[in-house]
N, C-alpha and C. Protein backbone atom coordinates (compact mmCIF):
# COMPACT_ATOMS: atom_id res chain seq x y z
N MET A 1 -0.31 1.79 8.30
CA MET A 1 1.19 2.23 8.12
C MET A 1 1.95 1.36 8.62
N ASN A 2 3.50 0.77 8.04
CA ASN A 2 3.87 -0.36 8.69
C ASN A 2 4.98 0.66 9.18
N LYS A 3 5.81 1.16 10.66
CA LYS A 3 6.87 1.31 10.32
C LYS A 3 7.86 0.57 10.72
N ASN A 4 8.54 -0.09 9.51
CA ASN A 4 9.50 -1.18 9.29
C ASN A 4 11.12 -1.03 9.42
N ILE A 5 11.23 0.42 9.36
CA ILE A 5 12.43 0.48 9.49
C ILE A 5 13.10 1.89 10.76
N ALA A 6 14.54 1.69 11.10
CA ALA A 6 15.16 2.28 12.16
C ALA A 6 16.61 2.95 11.57
N ILE A 7 16.52 4.34 12.11
CA ILE A 7 17.76 5.17 11.64
C ILE A 7 18.26 4.92 12.74
N GLY A 8 19.75 4.02 12.32
CA GLY A 8 20.65 3.40 13.52
C GLY A 8 21.90 4.91 13.68
N THR A 9 21.92 5.38 14.41
CA THR A 9 23.06 6.73 14.60
C THR A 9 24.27 6.23 15.31
N ASP A 10 25.39 5.91 14.78
CA ASP A 10 26.76 6.10 15.76
C ASP A 10 27.27 7.37 15.82
N ILE A 11 27.31 7.81 17.28
CA ILE A 11 28.60 9.36 17.96
C ILE A 11 29.35 9.30 18.13
N GLY A 12 31.20 8.88 17.49
CA GLY A 12 32.07 8.97 17.24
C GLY A 12 32.60 10.36 18.22
N GLY A 13 33.88 10.03 18.28
CA GLY A 13 34.58 11.28 18.98
C GLY A 13 34.85 12.54 17.99
N SER A 14 34.77 11.94 16.54
CA SER A 14 35.19 13.01 15.16
C SER A 14 34.17 12.63 14.13
N HIS A 15 33.14 12.09 14.10
CA HIS A 15 32.16 11.52 13.08
C HIS A 15 30.59 10.86 13.78
N ILE A 16 30.01 11.32 12.82
CA ILE A 16 28.32 10.81 13.16
C ILE A 16 28.40 9.64 11.78
N SER A 17 27.58 8.37 12.00
CA SER A 17 27.92 7.32 10.88
C SER A 17 26.17 6.72 11.29
N CYS A 18 25.75 6.94 10.24
CA CYS A 18 23.81 6.75 10.21
C CYS A 18 23.77 5.52 9.77
N VAL A 19 22.45 4.59 9.50
CA VAL A 19 21.96 4.04 8.07
C VAL A 19 20.52 3.62 8.63
N ALA A 20 19.57 3.27 7.19
CA ALA A 20 18.79 2.83 7.70
C ALA A 20 18.29 1.24 7.89
N ILE A 21 17.60 0.68 8.47
CA ILE A 21 17.75 -0.57 8.96
C ILE A 21 16.59 -0.98 8.58
N ASP A 22 16.12 -2.42 8.59
CA ASP A 22 14.59 -2.90 7.87
C ASP A 22 14.52 -3.89 9.22
N LEU A 23 13.89 -3.18 10.34
CA LEU A 23 13.53 -3.98 11.58
C LEU A 23 13.03 -5.15 11.35
N GLY A 24 12.22 -6.30 10.50
CA GLY A 24 12.07 -7.18 10.10
C GLY A 24 13.19 -7.90 9.57
N SER A 25 14.00 -7.52 8.96
CA SER A 25 15.18 -8.34 8.91
C SER A 25 16.32 -8.31 9.44
N GLY A 26 16.47 -7.33 9.70
CA GLY A 26 17.29 -6.59 10.46
C GLY A 26 18.53 -6.70 9.48
N LYS A 27 18.29 -6.40 8.28
CA LYS A 27 19.34 -6.05 7.44
C LYS A 27 19.51 -4.51 6.94
N ILE A 28 20.62 -4.20 6.68
CA ILE A 28 21.21 -2.96 6.88
C ILE A 28 20.67 -2.65 5.14
N LEU A 29 20.18 -0.90 5.37
CA LEU A 29 19.80 -0.98 3.70
C LEU A 29 21.13 -0.02 3.31
N LYS A 30 21.96 -0.68 2.68
CA LYS A 30 23.50 0.12 2.61
C LYS A 30 23.72 1.06 1.62
N ASP A 31 22.65 1.29 0.61
CA ASP A 31 22.82 2.34 -0.11
C ASP A 31 22.08 3.75 1.07
N THR A 32 21.93 3.86 2.13
CA THR A 32 21.07 4.71 2.95
C THR A 32 22.54 5.35 3.83
N LEU A 33 23.84 4.52 4.18
CA LEU A 33 24.88 5.19 4.67
C LEU A 33 25.04 6.34 4.36
N THR A 34 25.43 7.04 5.23
CA THR A 34 25.30 8.43 5.59
C THR A 34 26.71 8.73 6.61
N GLU A 35 27.86 9.41 6.72
CA GLU A 35 28.91 9.32 7.21
C GLU A 35 29.41 11.10 7.06
N ARG A 36 29.91 11.38 8.24
CA ARG A 36 30.41 12.71 8.27
C ARG A 36 31.34 13.80 9.52
N HIS A 37 31.83 14.20 9.16
CA HIS A 37 32.99 14.42 10.13
C HIS A 37 32.81 15.35 11.10
N VAL A 38 33.30 15.37 11.99
CA VAL A 38 32.10 16.70 13.49
C VAL A 38 33.59 16.89 13.82
N ASP A 39 33.47 18.69 13.76
CA ASP A 39 34.04 18.98 14.69
C ASP A 39 33.28 19.10 16.23
N ASN A 40 34.39 17.79 17.02
CA ASN A 40 33.71 17.80 18.49
C ASN A 40 33.98 18.91 19.46
N GLN A 41 34.38 20.11 18.98
CA GLN A 41 34.70 21.06 19.90
C GLN A 41 33.97 22.54 19.10
N ALA A 42 33.39 21.98 18.29
CA ALA A 42 32.68 23.29 17.98
C ALA A 42 31.57 23.77 18.51
N GLN A 43 30.79 24.89 18.52
CA GLN A 43 29.82 24.77 19.42
C GLN A 43 28.41 23.90 18.90
N ALA A 44 27.66 24.35 20.28
CA ALA A 44 26.52 23.17 20.23
C ALA A 44 25.32 22.81 18.65
N SER A 45 25.31 24.63 18.45
CA SER A 45 24.67 24.38 17.27
C SER A 45 24.71 23.86 15.67
N ILE A 46 26.04 23.89 15.75
CA ILE A 46 27.15 23.38 14.13
C ILE A 46 27.65 22.19 15.05
N ILE A 47 27.51 21.17 15.78
CA ILE A 47 27.23 20.15 16.50
C ILE A 47 26.43 19.08 16.10
N ILE A 48 25.12 20.06 16.22
CA ILE A 48 23.52 19.69 16.03
C ILE A 48 23.20 19.98 14.55
N ASP A 49 23.74 20.30 13.82
CA ASP A 49 23.85 20.62 12.46
C ASP A 49 24.15 19.74 12.10
N THR A 50 25.72 19.61 12.09
CA THR A 50 26.13 18.22 11.40
C THR A 50 24.96 17.63 12.13
N TRP A 51 25.15 16.58 13.02
CA TRP A 51 24.22 15.28 12.79
C TRP A 51 22.87 15.41 12.21
N SER A 52 22.57 16.46 11.99
CA SER A 52 20.90 16.59 11.92
C SER A 52 21.33 16.62 10.02
N GLY A 53 22.33 16.93 9.78
CA GLY A 53 22.28 17.11 7.74
C GLY A 53 22.22 15.77 7.70
N ALA A 54 23.20 14.93 8.48
CA ALA A 54 23.73 13.68 8.43
C ALA A 54 22.21 12.64 8.10
N LEU A 55 21.14 12.56 9.93
CA LEU A 55 20.27 12.14 9.32
C LEU A 55 19.24 12.43 7.93
N SER A 56 19.12 13.51 8.04
CA SER A 56 18.47 14.35 6.74
C SER A 56 19.24 13.48 5.68
N SER A 57 19.88 12.88 5.09
CA SER A 57 20.42 12.76 4.13
C SER A 57 19.75 11.26 4.18
N VAL A 58 19.73 10.41 5.27
CA VAL A 58 19.20 9.36 5.21
C VAL A 58 17.69 9.08 5.30
N LEU A 59 17.12 9.99 6.24
CA LEU A 59 15.68 10.39 6.09
C LEU A 59 15.42 10.38 4.67
N LYS A 60 16.11 11.14 3.50
CA LYS A 60 15.77 11.50 2.14
C LYS A 60 15.32 10.56 1.06
N LYS A 61 16.26 9.04 1.74
CA LYS A 61 16.45 7.48 1.30
C LYS A 61 15.17 6.80 1.10
N VAL A 62 14.43 6.79 2.21
CA VAL A 62 13.37 6.46 3.08
C VAL A 62 12.38 7.35 3.38
N PRO A 63 11.11 5.67 2.96
CA PRO A 63 9.61 7.03 3.32
C PRO A 63 9.93 7.30 4.50
N LEU A 64 9.02 8.67 5.25
CA LEU A 64 9.50 8.83 6.49
C LEU A 64 8.30 8.42 7.40
N GLU A 65 7.39 7.85 6.66
CA GLU A 65 5.80 7.32 7.18
C GLU A 65 6.34 5.82 7.89
N ASN A 66 7.42 5.33 7.21
CA ASN A 66 8.07 4.28 7.61
C ASN A 66 9.09 3.50 8.26
N VAL A 67 9.68 4.97 9.33
CA VAL A 67 10.52 5.49 9.98
C VAL A 67 9.82 5.13 11.35
N LYS A 68 9.92 4.25 12.35
CA LYS A 68 9.79 3.86 13.60
C LYS A 68 10.25 5.29 14.44
N GLY A 69 11.66 5.47 14.13
CA GLY A 69 12.70 6.17 14.75
C GLY A 69 14.16 6.16 15.22
N ILE A 70 14.70 6.59 15.96
CA ILE A 70 16.39 7.11 15.50
C ILE A 70 16.92 6.22 16.80
N GLY A 71 17.93 5.19 16.79
CA GLY A 71 18.39 4.89 17.90
C GLY A 71 20.02 5.83 17.58
N PHE A 72 20.62 6.18 18.68
CA PHE A 72 21.76 6.78 18.56
C PHE A 72 23.03 5.81 19.75
N ALA A 73 24.07 5.61 19.41
CA ALA A 73 24.88 4.94 19.97
C ALA A 73 25.84 6.02 20.50
N MET A 74 25.76 6.58 22.03
CA MET A 74 25.97 7.52 22.24
C MET A 74 27.43 7.68 23.75
N PRO A 75 28.36 8.12 23.39
CA PRO A 75 28.94 8.28 24.68
C PRO A 75 28.89 8.93 26.04
N GLY A 76 28.99 8.48 26.89
CA GLY A 76 28.51 9.30 28.18
C GLY A 76 29.96 10.17 28.20
N PRO A 77 29.74 10.87 29.55
CA PRO A 77 28.58 10.49 30.74
C PRO A 77 27.35 11.00 29.60
N PHE A 78 26.53 10.41 29.83
CA PHE A 78 24.57 11.28 28.73
C PHE A 78 23.40 10.24 30.06
N ASP A 79 22.47 11.39 29.94
CA ASP A 79 21.48 10.92 30.57
C ASP A 79 20.24 10.13 29.44
N TYR A 80 21.01 8.60 29.10
CA TYR A 80 19.81 7.91 28.32
C TYR A 80 18.21 7.81 27.77
N VAL A 81 17.79 7.98 29.14
CA VAL A 81 16.34 8.22 29.15
C VAL A 81 15.91 9.53 28.37
N LYS A 82 17.00 10.78 29.41
CA LYS A 82 16.45 11.90 28.91
C LYS A 82 16.72 12.64 27.80
N GLY A 83 18.03 12.02 27.22
CA GLY A 83 18.68 12.45 26.16
C GLY A 83 19.70 14.35 26.60
N ILE A 84 19.86 13.77 27.31
CA ILE A 84 20.77 15.61 27.97
C ILE A 84 21.90 14.79 28.23
N CYS A 85 22.89 15.42 27.25
CA CYS A 85 24.11 15.62 27.49
C CYS A 85 25.13 15.96 28.38
N TYR A 86 26.21 15.35 29.36
CA TYR A 86 26.45 15.86 30.32
C TYR A 86 28.30 16.14 30.34
N ILE A 87 28.77 15.50 28.88
CA ILE A 87 30.33 14.97 28.83
C ILE A 87 31.04 16.09 29.30
N ARG A 88 31.79 16.52 30.14
CA ARG A 88 33.09 17.32 30.34
C ARG A 88 33.59 17.23 30.74
N GLY A 89 34.80 17.82 30.49
CA GLY A 89 36.69 16.90 30.94
C GLY A 89 36.60 15.71 29.87
N VAL A 90 36.82 16.15 28.85
CA VAL A 90 37.32 14.92 28.17
C VAL A 90 37.57 15.70 26.99
N ALA A 91 37.69 16.82 26.47
CA ALA A 91 37.64 17.54 25.16
C ALA A 91 37.47 17.11 24.09
N LYS A 92 36.28 16.98 24.01
CA LYS A 92 35.46 16.67 22.99
C LYS A 92 33.67 16.93 23.60
N TYR A 93 33.03 17.30 22.42
CA TYR A 93 31.33 17.23 22.87
C TYR A 93 31.25 17.97 24.21
N GLU A 94 31.60 18.68 24.66
CA GLU A 94 31.75 19.63 26.03
C GLU A 94 30.53 20.44 25.47
N ASN A 95 30.61 21.29 24.58
CA ASN A 95 29.62 22.47 24.43
C ASN A 95 28.14 22.10 24.23
N LEU A 96 27.90 20.42 24.35
CA LEU A 96 26.71 20.25 24.47
C LEU A 96 26.62 19.71 25.74
N TYR A 97 27.42 20.57 26.84
CA TYR A 97 27.31 20.04 27.73
C TYR A 97 25.45 20.25 28.58
N GLY A 98 24.45 19.69 29.11
CA GLY A 98 23.36 20.19 29.50
C GLY A 98 22.38 20.55 28.65
N LEU A 99 22.41 20.25 27.40
CA LEU A 99 22.00 19.93 26.28
C LEU A 99 20.95 18.78 25.68
N ASN A 100 19.30 19.24 25.69
CA ASN A 100 18.79 18.16 25.54
C ASN A 100 19.05 17.45 24.29
N ILE A 101 19.01 16.97 23.99
CA ILE A 101 19.78 16.12 21.93
C ILE A 101 18.39 15.96 21.37
N THR A 102 17.26 15.35 22.62
CA THR A 102 16.60 14.90 21.80
C THR A 102 15.53 16.00 21.37
N ASP A 103 15.34 17.19 21.78
CA ASP A 103 15.06 18.53 21.47
C ASP A 103 15.32 18.76 20.31
N ALA A 104 16.70 18.63 20.59
CA ALA A 104 17.65 19.85 19.54
C ALA A 104 17.45 19.03 18.00
N ILE A 105 17.54 17.40 18.01
CA ILE A 105 17.22 16.97 16.57
C ILE A 105 16.05 16.77 16.37
N SER A 106 15.14 16.79 17.07
CA SER A 106 13.70 16.67 16.72
C SER A 106 12.83 18.42 16.14
N ARG A 107 13.66 19.34 16.21
CA ARG A 107 13.63 20.24 16.00
C ARG A 107 14.32 20.84 14.64
N ASN A 108 15.30 20.63 14.41
CA ASN A 108 16.26 20.29 13.48
C ASN A 108 15.91 19.62 12.26
N LEU A 109 14.86 18.37 12.66
CA LEU A 109 14.72 17.12 11.51
C LEU A 109 13.40 18.00 11.60
N GLY A 110 12.46 18.49 11.75
CA GLY A 110 10.77 19.12 12.20
C GLY A 110 9.85 17.52 12.29
N VAL A 111 10.65 16.92 12.95
CA VAL A 111 10.10 15.70 13.02
C VAL A 111 8.76 15.75 14.28
N HIS A 112 7.61 15.50 14.49
CA HIS A 112 6.68 15.72 15.03
C HIS A 112 7.07 14.97 16.91
N ASP A 113 5.83 14.96 17.42
CA ASP A 113 7.11 15.06 19.21
C ASP A 113 6.75 13.37 19.38
N GLY A 114 5.65 12.63 18.70
CA GLY A 114 5.77 10.91 18.69
C GLY A 114 6.69 10.42 18.07
N PHE A 115 7.31 10.91 17.82
CA PHE A 115 8.55 10.62 16.78
C PHE A 115 9.78 9.94 17.73
N LEU A 116 10.21 8.61 17.37
CA LEU A 116 11.00 8.01 19.04
C LEU A 116 12.64 8.62 18.62
N ILE A 117 13.14 9.11 19.61
CA ILE A 117 14.83 8.67 19.32
C ILE A 117 14.88 8.68 20.52
N ARG A 118 16.09 7.26 20.75
CA ARG A 118 16.39 7.31 22.13
C ARG A 118 17.97 6.84 22.39
N PHE A 119 18.70 7.02 22.90
CA PHE A 119 19.71 6.91 23.22
C PHE A 119 20.27 5.57 24.38
N MET A 120 21.45 5.41 23.89
CA MET A 120 21.83 4.39 24.35
C MET A 120 23.79 4.46 24.11
N ASN A 121 24.34 3.91 25.73
CA ASN A 121 25.37 4.02 25.50
C ASN A 121 26.27 3.19 24.39
N ASP A 122 27.36 3.74 23.41
CA ASP A 122 27.88 3.51 22.55
C ASP A 122 28.41 2.14 22.81
N ALA A 123 29.11 1.67 23.88
CA ALA A 123 29.58 0.05 23.87
C ALA A 123 28.93 -0.56 24.11
N SER A 124 27.53 -0.34 24.89
CA SER A 124 26.45 -1.59 25.07
C SER A 124 25.50 -0.98 24.02
N SER A 125 25.37 -0.74 22.70
CA SER A 125 25.11 -0.34 21.46
C SER A 125 25.74 -1.59 21.09
N PHE A 126 26.77 -1.47 21.05
CA PHE A 126 27.71 -2.44 19.83
C PHE A 126 27.29 -3.97 20.74
N ALA A 127 27.07 -4.24 21.29
CA ALA A 127 26.92 -5.67 22.14
C ALA A 127 25.48 -5.80 21.88
N VAL A 128 24.21 -5.65 22.21
CA VAL A 128 22.93 -5.27 21.05
C VAL A 128 22.81 -5.56 19.82
N GLY A 129 23.58 -4.82 19.78
CA GLY A 129 23.82 -4.90 17.58
C GLY A 129 24.46 -5.91 17.21
N GLU A 130 25.19 -6.58 17.78
CA GLU A 130 26.02 -7.65 17.06
C GLU A 130 25.11 -9.21 17.93
N ALA A 131 24.07 -8.80 19.06
CA ALA A 131 23.27 -9.80 19.68
C ALA A 131 22.16 -9.91 18.48
N TRP A 132 21.65 -9.29 17.97
CA TRP A 132 20.49 -8.99 17.37
C TRP A 132 20.95 -9.52 16.29
N ALA A 133 21.80 -8.74 15.21
CA ALA A 133 21.93 -9.10 13.64
C ALA A 133 23.68 -9.22 13.75
N GLY A 134 24.31 -9.20 14.21
CA GLY A 134 26.13 -9.70 13.94
C GLY A 134 26.16 -10.86 14.42
N SER A 135 27.71 -11.41 14.58
CA SER A 135 27.90 -12.36 14.60
C SER A 135 27.62 -13.02 16.22
N ALA A 136 27.34 -12.54 16.92
CA ALA A 136 26.23 -12.98 18.07
C ALA A 136 25.21 -13.58 18.03
N SER A 137 24.70 -13.13 17.02
CA SER A 137 23.16 -13.28 16.22
C SER A 137 22.75 -14.41 16.52
N LYS A 138 23.70 -15.96 16.80
CA LYS A 138 23.51 -17.17 16.14
C LYS A 138 23.80 -17.87 17.41
N PHE A 139 23.78 -17.22 18.50
CA PHE A 139 24.41 -17.65 19.90
C PHE A 139 23.01 -17.52 21.05
N ASN A 140 22.93 -18.63 21.86
CA ASN A 140 21.95 -18.26 22.73
C ASN A 140 22.91 -17.32 23.75
N ARG A 141 23.65 -17.10 24.19
CA ARG A 141 24.70 -16.04 24.84
C ARG A 141 25.80 -15.35 24.08
N SER A 142 25.84 -14.13 24.89
CA SER A 142 27.41 -13.58 24.38
C SER A 142 27.95 -12.63 25.24
N LEU A 143 29.16 -12.36 24.66
CA LEU A 143 30.18 -11.32 25.96
C LEU A 143 30.33 -10.49 24.82
N SER A 144 30.21 -9.37 24.76
CA SER A 144 31.19 -8.14 24.13
C SER A 144 31.68 -7.51 25.29
N ILE A 145 33.15 -7.27 24.47
CA ILE A 145 34.46 -6.38 24.75
C ILE A 145 34.55 -5.58 24.55
N THR A 146 34.63 -4.47 24.92
CA THR A 146 35.06 -2.72 24.19
C THR A 146 36.44 -2.32 25.23
N LEU A 147 37.55 -1.85 24.03
CA LEU A 147 38.24 -1.30 24.87
C LEU A 147 38.38 0.15 24.69
């Protein structure tokens, strides 16, 4: 089984964008791009359902057996290793506080325990993406700045 696809996911203040990526070539599979509006002040279950719905839409367009996992570009504060949200005091996603997002998404998608779901700070994700497959990929060193 060739696990050559990853799902890249950007969690913004009011949206989710996700797309399948060919890990061998670094190419975005454009026909899988899915975006949804998110009410960032909704109850946790509604937010998770919206995120899961967007991810399900992408997963329907690629063979699940070829998907290595899902990577989230996630705003903080967040425990990126354990997948637990600690956002509070910023008027967005506060209802996710203390929730294990990995477990919630896994349950909603019905994926097995070994299915990879990883999180990285959204600004760091931008820098890694540019270095791996973007404009900075042509260089040995790069510097990324977000505002």
